[in-house]
Amino acid sequence: MLPDWQPAAYKNYRWIVADPELLGGTLAIRGTRLSVALILECLSNGMTVENINESFGNSFPPESLREVFLVAAELSEAFHVAA
């Protein structure tokens, strides 16, 4: 079962946004067209922050990385499978 995500829960983030007009409402990095999922996938494939920045025209703010991990952790905590 997917978590019941509520946009209001993420208003305290400086870098993470969810806007229906941006990437269909996917969690994204503010001021970019980079989704949280894309950044996590790049990192899991061994890319460094520098590699990501080079690959996406220096649009990835490295200071947003902490919030990328925090939102991933929060969504992971919200995920439950019924017994």
PDB file of N, CA and C in Angstrom:
ATOM      1  N   MET A   1       0.847  -1.182   0.000  1.00  0.00           N
ATOM      2  CA  MET A   1       0.000   0.000   0.000  1.00  0.00           C
ATOM      3  C   MET A   1       0.888   1.239   0.000  1.00  0.00           C
ATOM      4  N   LEU A   2       0.595   2.162  -0.878  1.00  0.00           N
ATOM      5  CA  LEU A   2       1.385   3.385  -0.941  1.00  0.00           C
ATOM      6  C   LEU A   2       0.971   4.346   0.155  1.00  0.00           C
ATOM      7  N   PRO A   3       1.903   5.156   0.631  1.00  0.00           N
ATOM      8  CA  PRO A   3       1.571   6.104   1.694  1.00  0.00           C
ATOM      9  C   PRO A   3       0.575   7.146   1.208  1.00  0.00           C
ATOM     10  N   ASP A   4      -0.257   7.606   2.118  1.00  0.00           N
ATOM     11  CA  ASP A   4      -1.202   8.675   1.812  1.00  0.00           C
ATOM     12  C   ASP A   4      -0.465   9.992   1.973  1.00  0.00           C
ATOM     13  N   TRP A   5       0.159  10.433   0.900  1.00  0.00           N
ATOM     14  CA  TRP A   5       0.994  11.625   0.958  1.00  0.00           C
ATOM     15  C   TRP A   5       0.140  12.871   0.906  1.00  0.00           C
ATOM     16  N   GLN A   6       0.416  13.801   1.777  1.00  0.00           N
ATOM     17  CA  GLN A   6      -0.305  15.067   1.820  1.00  0.00           C
ATOM     18  C   GLN A   6       0.674  16.207   1.604  1.00  0.00           C
ATOM     19  N   PRO A   7       0.445  17.055   0.591  1.00  0.00           N
ATOM     20  CA  PRO A   7       1.371  18.151   0.314  1.00  0.00           C
ATOM     21  C   PRO A   7       1.648  19.036   1.518  1.00  0.00           C
ATOM     22  N   ALA A   8       0.663  19.236   2.382  1.00  0.00           N
ATOM     23  CA  ALA A   8       0.857  20.108   3.541  1.00  0.00           C
ATOM     24  C   ALA A   8       1.990  19.624   4.429  1.00  0.00           C
ATOM     25  N   ALA A   9       2.238  18.327   4.433  1.00  0.00           N
ATOM     26  CA  ALA A   9       3.296  17.770   5.277  1.00  0.00           C
ATOM     27  C   ALA A   9       4.679  18.201   4.813  1.00  0.00           C
ATOM     28  N   TYR A  10       4.786  18.683   3.585  1.00  0.00           N
ATOM     29  CA  TYR A  10       6.092  19.017   3.031  1.00  0.00           C
ATOM     30  C   TYR A  10       6.322  20.513   2.874  1.00  0.00           C
ATOM     31  N   LYS A  11       5.462  21.315   3.461  1.00  0.00           N
ATOM     32  CA  LYS A  11       5.616  22.762   3.345  1.00  0.00           C
ATOM     33  C   LYS A  11       6.808  23.287   4.127  1.00  0.00           C
ATOM     34  N   ASN A  12       7.339  22.505   5.053  1.00  0.00           N
ATOM     35  CA  ASN A  12       8.484  22.953   5.840  1.00  0.00           C
ATOM     36  C   ASN A  12       9.805  22.764   5.121  1.00  0.00           C
ATOM     37  N   TYR A  13       9.770  22.133   3.950  1.00  0.00           N
ATOM     38  CA  TYR A  13      10.998  21.929   3.199  1.00  0.00           C
ATOM     39  C   TYR A  13      11.352  23.170   2.398  1.00  0.00           C
ATOM     40  N   ARG A  14      12.605  23.500   2.402  1.00  0.00           N
ATOM     41  CA  ARG A  14      13.081  24.634   1.610  1.00  0.00           C
ATOM     42  C   ARG A  14      13.239  24.234   0.147  1.00  0.00           C
ATOM     43  N   TRP A  15      13.714  23.007  -0.089  1.00  0.00           N
ATOM     44  CA  TRP A  15      14.081  22.590  -1.443  1.00  0.00           C
ATOM     45  C   TRP A  15      13.104  21.648  -2.121  1.00  0.00           C
ATOM     46  N   ILE A  16      12.264  20.955  -1.377  1.00  0.00           N
ATOM     47  CA  ILE A  16      11.379  19.952  -1.962  1.00  0.00           C
ATOM     48  C   ILE A  16      10.000  20.558  -2.193  1.00  0.00           C
ATOM     49  N   VAL A  17       9.509  20.414  -3.421  1.00  0.00           N
ATOM     50  CA  VAL A  17       8.191  20.941  -3.767  1.00  0.00           C
ATOM     51  C   VAL A  17       7.377  19.866  -4.481  1.00  0.00           C
ATOM     52  N   ALA A  18       6.068  20.024  -4.426  1.00  0.00           N
ATOM     53  CA  ALA A  18       5.147  19.190  -5.201  1.00  0.00           C
ATOM     54  C   ALA A  18       4.138  20.144  -5.824  1.00  0.00           C
ATOM     55  N   ASP A  19       4.246  20.332  -7.115  1.00  0.00           N
ATOM     56  CA  ASP A  19       3.404  21.277  -7.839  1.00  0.00           C
ATOM     57  C   ASP A  19       2.787  20.541  -9.024  1.00  0.00           C
ATOM     58  N   PRO A  20       1.460  20.519  -9.115  1.00  0.00           N
ATOM     59  CA  PRO A  20       0.820  19.815 -10.226  1.00  0.00           C
ATOM     60  C   PRO A  20       1.277  20.315 -11.600  1.00  0.00           C
ATOM     61  N   GLU A  21       1.767  21.536 -11.659  1.00  0.00           N
ATOM     62  CA  GLU A  21       2.238  22.104 -12.924  1.00  0.00           C
ATOM     63  C   GLU A  21       3.682  21.716 -13.232  1.00  0.00           C
ATOM     64  N   LEU A  22       4.365  21.104 -12.282  1.00  0.00           N
ATOM     65  CA  LEU A  22       5.768  20.721 -12.447  1.00  0.00           C
ATOM     66  C   LEU A  22       5.896  19.205 -12.345  1.00  0.00           C
ATOM     67  N   LEU A  23       6.274  18.569 -13.416  1.00  0.00           N
ATOM     68  CA  LEU A  23       6.481  17.116 -13.444  1.00  0.00           C
ATOM     69  C   LEU A  23       5.255  16.348 -12.958  1.00  0.00           C
ATOM     70  N   GLY A  24       4.080  16.893 -13.234  1.00  0.00           N
ATOM     71  CA  GLY A  24       2.840  16.211 -12.860  1.00  0.00           C
ATOM     72  C   GLY A  24       2.622  16.073 -11.368  1.00  0.00           C
ATOM     73  N   GLY A  25       3.248  16.930 -10.589  1.00  0.00           N
ATOM     74  CA  GLY A  25       3.076  16.886  -9.141  1.00  0.00           C
ATOM     75  C   GLY A  25       4.063  15.990  -8.421  1.00  0.00           C
ATOM     76  N   THR A  26       5.005  15.412  -9.160  1.00  0.00           N
ATOM     77  CA  THR A  26       6.045  14.580  -8.553  1.00  0.00           C
ATOM     78  C   THR A  26       6.906  15.428  -7.628  1.00  0.00           C
ATOM     79  N   LEU A  27       7.371  14.856  -6.533  1.00  0.00           N
ATOM     80  CA  LEU A  27       8.283  15.584  -5.654  1.00  0.00           C
ATOM     81  C   LEU A  27       9.510  15.994  -6.454  1.00  0.00           C
ATOM     82  N   ALA A  28       9.859  17.270  -6.364  1.00  0.00           N
ATOM     83  CA  ALA A  28      10.952  17.803  -7.169  1.00  0.00           C
ATOM     84  C   ALA A  28      11.790  18.775  -6.358  1.00  0.00           C
ATOM     85  N   ILE A  29      12.949  19.101  -6.920  1.00  0.00           N
ATOM     86  CA  ILE A  29      13.839  20.082  -6.309  1.00  0.00           C
ATOM     87  C   ILE A  29      13.381  21.467  -6.762  1.00  0.00           C
ATOM     88  N   ARG A  30      13.135  22.351  -5.802  1.00  0.00           N
ATOM     89  CA  ARG A  30      12.665  23.709  -6.101  1.00  0.00           C
ATOM     90  C   ARG A  30      13.576  24.388  -7.130  1.00  0.00           C
ATOM     91  N   GLY A  31      12.948  25.031  -8.100  1.00  0.00           N
ATOM     92  CA  GLY A  31      13.689  25.789  -9.098  1.00  0.00           C
ATOM     93  C   GLY A  31      14.296  24.943 -10.202  1.00  0.00           C
ATOM     94  N   THR A  32      13.971  23.644 -10.218  1.00  0.00           N
ATOM     95  CA  THR A  32      14.513  22.747 -11.239  1.00  0.00           C
ATOM     96  C   THR A  32      13.384  21.892 -11.806  1.00  0.00           C
ATOM     97  N   ARG A  33      13.721  21.084 -12.775  1.00  0.00           N
ATOM     98  CA  ARG A  33      12.808  20.057 -13.277  1.00  0.00           C
ATOM     99  C   ARG A  33      13.381  18.681 -12.934  1.00  0.00           C
ATOM    100  N   LEU A  34      14.050  18.603 -11.790  1.00  0.00           N
ATOM    101  CA  LEU A  34      14.659  17.360 -11.322  1.00  0.00           C
ATOM    102  C   LEU A  34      13.798  16.780 -10.208  1.00  0.00           C
ATOM    103  N   SER A  35      13.347  15.544 -10.402  1.00  0.00           N
ATOM    104  CA  SER A  35      12.528  14.915  -9.366  1.00  0.00           C
ATOM    105  C   SER A  35      13.412  14.318  -8.275  1.00  0.00           C
ATOM    106  N   VAL A  36      12.826  14.175  -7.103  1.00  0.00           N
ATOM    107  CA  VAL A  36      13.516  13.513  -5.995  1.00  0.00           C
ATOM    108  C   VAL A  36      13.878  12.092  -6.415  1.00  0.00           C
ATOM    109  N   ALA A  37      12.958  11.412  -7.096  1.00  0.00           N
ATOM    110  CA  ALA A  37      13.216  10.037  -7.543  1.00  0.00           C
ATOM    111  C   ALA A  37      14.411   9.976  -8.487  1.00  0.00           C
ATOM    112  N   LEU A  38      14.522  10.935  -9.395  1.00  0.00           N
ATOM    113  CA  LEU A  38      15.651  10.955 -10.329  1.00  0.00           C
ATOM    114  C   LEU A  38      16.971  11.111  -9.586  1.00  0.00           C
ATOM    115  N   ILE A  39      17.012  12.024  -8.619  1.00  0.00           N
ATOM    116  CA  ILE A  39      18.245  12.248  -7.857  1.00  0.00           C
ATOM    117  C   ILE A  39      18.618  10.984  -7.086  1.00  0.00           C
ATOM    118  N   LEU A  40      17.642  10.351  -6.445  1.00  0.00           N
ATOM    119  CA  LEU A  40      17.920   9.116  -5.700  1.00  0.00           C
ATOM    120  C   LEU A  40      18.391   8.006  -6.632  1.00  0.00           C
ATOM    121  N   GLU A  41      17.779   7.914  -7.804  1.00  0.00           N
ATOM    122  CA  GLU A  41      18.198   6.896  -8.772  1.00  0.00           C
ATOM    123  C   GLU A  41      19.629   7.149  -9.245  1.00  0.00           C
ATOM    124  N   CYS A  42      19.952   8.399  -9.531  1.00  0.00           N
ATOM    125  CA  CYS A  42      21.319   8.738  -9.949  1.00  0.00           C
ATOM    126  C   CYS A  42      22.326   8.355  -8.871  1.00  0.00           C
ATOM    127  N   LEU A  43      22.017   8.701  -7.625  1.00  0.00           N
ATOM    128  CA  LEU A  43      22.922   8.376  -6.522  1.00  0.00           C
ATOM    129  C   LEU A  43      23.056   6.866  -6.341  1.00  0.00           C
ATOM    130  N   SER A  44      21.951   6.138  -6.483  1.00  0.00           N
ATOM    131  CA  SER A  44      22.011   4.682  -6.309  1.00  0.00           C
ATOM    132  C   SER A  44      22.792   4.009  -7.429  1.00  0.00           C
ATOM    133  N   ASN A  45      22.910   4.689  -8.565  1.00  0.00           N
ATOM    134  CA  ASN A  45      23.700   4.166  -9.682  1.00  0.00           C
ATOM    135  C   ASN A  45      25.162   4.595  -9.614  1.00  0.00           C
ATOM    136  N   GLY A  46      25.541   5.226  -8.497  1.00  0.00           N
ATOM    137  CA  GLY A  46      26.941   5.563  -8.284  1.00  0.00           C
ATOM    138  C   GLY A  46      27.359   6.954  -8.706  1.00  0.00           C
ATOM    139  N   MET A  47      26.408   7.763  -9.164  1.00  0.00           N
ATOM    140  CA  MET A  47      26.772   9.126  -9.542  1.00  0.00           C
ATOM    141  C   MET A  47      27.052   9.953  -8.292  1.00  0.00           C
ATOM    142  N   THR A  48      27.982  10.869  -8.408  1.00  0.00           N
ATOM    143  CA  THR A  48      28.250  11.816  -7.330  1.00  0.00           C
ATOM    144  C   THR A  48      27.400  13.061  -7.565  1.00  0.00           C
ATOM    145  N   VAL A  49      27.338  13.917  -6.563  1.00  0.00           N
ATOM    146  CA  VAL A  49      26.627  15.184  -6.725  1.00  0.00           C
ATOM    147  C   VAL A  49      27.226  15.962  -7.891  1.00  0.00           C
ATOM    148  N   GLU A  50      28.546  15.905  -8.012  1.00  0.00           N
ATOM    149  CA  GLU A  50      29.214  16.599  -9.113  1.00  0.00           C
ATOM    150  C   GLU A  50      28.793  16.016 -10.459  1.00  0.00           C
ATOM    151  N   ASN A  51      28.709  14.671 -10.553  1.00  0.00           N
ATOM    152  CA  ASN A  51      28.248  14.021 -11.790  1.00  0.00           C
ATOM    153  C   ASN A  51      26.828  14.453 -12.138  1.00  0.00           C
ATOM    154  N   ILE A  52      25.976  14.482 -11.133  1.00  0.00           N
ATOM    155  CA  ILE A  52      24.578  14.871 -11.359  1.00  0.00           C
ATOM    156  C   ILE A  52      24.529  16.299 -11.879  1.00  0.00           C
ATOM    157  N   ASN A  53      25.266  17.180 -11.241  1.00  0.00           N
ATOM    158  CA  ASN A  53      25.273  18.579 -11.666  1.00  0.00           C
ATOM    159  C   ASN A  53      25.767  18.720 -13.097  1.00  0.00           C
ATOM    160  N   GLU A  54      26.831  18.013 -13.432  1.00  0.00           N
ATOM    161  CA  GLU A  54      27.362  18.071 -14.794  1.00  0.00           C
ATOM    162  C   GLU A  54      26.350  17.531 -15.798  1.00  0.00           C
ATOM    163  N   SER A  55      25.654  16.479 -15.435  1.00  0.00           N
ATOM    164  CA  SER A  55      24.698  15.836 -16.340  1.00  0.00           C
ATOM    165  C   SER A  55      23.447  16.674 -16.584  1.00  0.00           C
ATOM    166  N   PHE A  56      23.100  17.508 -15.632  1.00  0.00           N
ATOM    167  CA  PHE A  56      21.862  18.280 -15.739  1.00  0.00           C
ATOM    168  C   PHE A  56      22.112  19.786 -15.773  1.00  0.00           C
ATOM    169  N   GLY A  57      23.203  20.184 -16.390  1.00  0.00           N
ATOM    170  CA  GLY A  57      23.468  21.604 -16.621  1.00  0.00           C
ATOM    171  C   GLY A  57      23.630  22.438 -15.373  1.00  0.00           C
ATOM    172  N   ASN A  58      24.235  21.859 -14.348  1.00  0.00           N
ATOM    173  CA  ASN A  58      24.474  22.564 -13.081  1.00  0.00           C
ATOM    174  C   ASN A  58      23.198  23.104 -12.451  1.00  0.00           C
ATOM    175  N   SER A  59      22.086  22.391 -12.668  1.00  0.00           N
ATOM    176  CA  SER A  59      20.817  22.859 -12.105  1.00  0.00           C
ATOM    177  C   SER A  59      20.500  22.237 -10.745  1.00  0.00           C
ATOM    178  N   PHE A  60      21.281  21.239 -10.328  1.00  0.00           N
ATOM    179  CA  PHE A  60      21.017  20.576  -9.053  1.00  0.00           C
ATOM    180  C   PHE A  60      21.748  21.287  -7.924  1.00  0.00           C
ATOM    181  N   PRO A  61      21.004  21.919  -7.006  1.00  0.00           N
ATOM    182  CA  PRO A  61      21.656  22.576  -5.872  1.00  0.00           C
ATOM    183  C   PRO A  61      22.112  21.536  -4.844  1.00  0.00           C
ATOM    184  N   PRO A  62      23.414  21.363  -4.643  1.00  0.00           N
ATOM    185  CA  PRO A  62      23.909  20.340  -3.717  1.00  0.00           C
ATOM    186  C   PRO A  62      23.338  20.473  -2.303  1.00  0.00           C
ATOM    187  N   GLU A  63      23.009  21.696  -1.897  1.00  0.00           N
ATOM    188  CA  GLU A  63      22.478  21.892  -0.548  1.00  0.00           C
ATOM    189  C   GLU A  63      21.081  21.278  -0.394  1.00  0.00           C
ATOM    190  N   SER A  64      20.449  20.897  -1.494  1.00  0.00           N
ATOM    191  CA  SER A  64      19.131  20.257  -1.414  1.00  0.00           C
ATOM    192  C   SER A  64      19.224  18.763  -1.105  1.00  0.00           C
ATOM    193  N   LEU A  65      20.411  18.200  -1.184  1.00  0.00           N
ATOM    194  CA  LEU A  65      20.587  16.756  -1.021  1.00  0.00           C
ATOM    195  C   LEU A  65      20.086  16.251   0.333  1.00  0.00           C
ATOM    196  N   ARG A  66      20.324  17.001   1.382  1.00  0.00           N
ATOM    197  CA  ARG A  66      19.868  16.596   2.719  1.00  0.00           C
ATOM    198  C   ARG A  66      18.351  16.402   2.726  1.00  0.00           C
ATOM    199  N   GLU A  67      17.621  17.334   2.109  1.00  0.00           N
ATOM    200  CA  GLU A  67      16.170  17.220   2.078  1.00  0.00           C
ATOM    201  C   GLU A  67      15.703  16.082   1.170  1.00  0.00           C
ATOM    202  N   VAL A  68      16.457  15.785   0.112  1.00  0.00           N
ATOM    203  CA  VAL A  68      16.129  14.637  -0.738  1.00  0.00           C
ATOM    204  C   VAL A  68      16.124  13.378   0.123  1.00  0.00           C
ATOM    205  N   PHE A  69      17.156  13.215   0.946  1.00  0.00           N
ATOM    206  CA  PHE A  69      17.230  12.046   1.826  1.00  0.00           C
ATOM    207  C   PHE A  69      16.146  12.077   2.904  1.00  0.00           C
ATOM    208  N   LEU A  70      15.873  13.250   3.456  1.00  0.00           N
ATOM    209  CA  LEU A  70      14.849  13.351   4.502  1.00  0.00           C
ATOM    210  C   LEU A  70      13.467  12.980   3.984  1.00  0.00           C
ATOM    211  N   VAL A  71      13.104  13.491   2.813  1.00  0.00           N
ATOM    212  CA  VAL A  71      11.777  13.186   2.276  1.00  0.00           C
ATOM    213  C   VAL A  71      11.687  11.710   1.900  1.00  0.00           C
ATOM    214  N   ALA A  72      12.770  11.135   1.405  1.00  0.00           N
ATOM    215  CA  ALA A  72      12.778   9.700   1.102  1.00  0.00           C
ATOM    216  C   ALA A  72      12.591   8.889   2.385  1.00  0.00           C
ATOM    217  N   ALA A  73      13.249   9.305   3.453  1.00  0.00           N
ATOM    218  CA  ALA A  73      13.110   8.607   4.736  1.00  0.00           C
ATOM    219  C   ALA A  73      11.687   8.732   5.269  1.00  0.00           C
ATOM    220  N   GLU A  74      11.106   9.919   5.175  1.00  0.00           N
ATOM    221  CA  GLU A  74       9.740  10.116   5.666  1.00  0.00           C
ATOM    222  C   GLU A  74       8.741   9.276   4.879  1.00  0.00           C
ATOM    223  N   LEU A  75       8.901   9.227   3.567  1.00  0.00           N
ATOM    224  CA  LEU A  75       7.994   8.412   2.758  1.00  0.00           C
ATOM    225  C   LEU A  75       8.186   6.930   3.046  1.00  0.00           C
ATOM    226  N   SER A  76       9.415   6.537   3.307  1.00  0.00           N
ATOM    227  CA  SER A  76       9.685   5.141   3.653  1.00  0.00           C
ATOM    228  C   SER A  76       9.018   4.781   4.978  1.00  0.00           C
ATOM    229  N   GLU A  77       9.072   5.683   5.935  1.00  0.00           N
ATOM    230  CA  GLU A  77       8.434   5.457   7.236  1.00  0.00           C
ATOM    231  C   GLU A  77       6.919   5.389   7.099  1.00  0.00           C
ATOM    232  N   ALA A  78       6.365   6.116   6.137  1.00  0.00           N
ATOM    233  CA  ALA A  78       4.915   6.154   5.957  1.00  0.00           C
ATOM    234  C   ALA A  78       4.387   4.924   5.231  1.00  0.00           C
ATOM    235  N   PHE A  79       5.278   4.130   4.656  1.00  0.00           N
ATOM    236  CA  PHE A  79       4.882   2.948   3.886  1.00  0.00           C
ATOM    237  C   PHE A  79       4.664   1.770   4.821  1.00  0.00           C
ATOM    238  N   HIS A  80       3.480   1.190   4.771  1.00  0.00           N
ATOM    239  CA  HIS A  80       3.164   0.034   5.610  1.00  0.00           C
ATOM    240  C   HIS A  80       2.403  -0.996   4.793  1.00  0.00           C
ATOM    241  N   VAL A  81       2.672  -2.242   5.054  1.00  0.00           N
ATOM    242  CA  VAL A  81       1.932  -3.339   4.437  1.00  0.00           C
ATOM    243  C   VAL A  81       1.053  -3.953   5.520  1.00  0.00           C
ATOM    244  N   ALA A  82      -0.206  -4.079   5.219  1.00  0.00           N
ATOM    245  CA  ALA A  82      -1.133  -4.651   6.201  1.00  0.00           C
ATOM    246  C   ALA A  82      -0.784  -6.110   6.473  1.00  0.00           C
ATOM    247  N   ALA A  83      -0.874  -6.475   7.742  1.00  0.00           N
ATOM    248  CA  ALA A  83      -0.560  -7.859   8.134  1.00  0.00           C
ATOM    249  C   ALA A  83      -1.692  -8.793   7.799  1.00  0.00           C
TER     250      ALA A  83
END
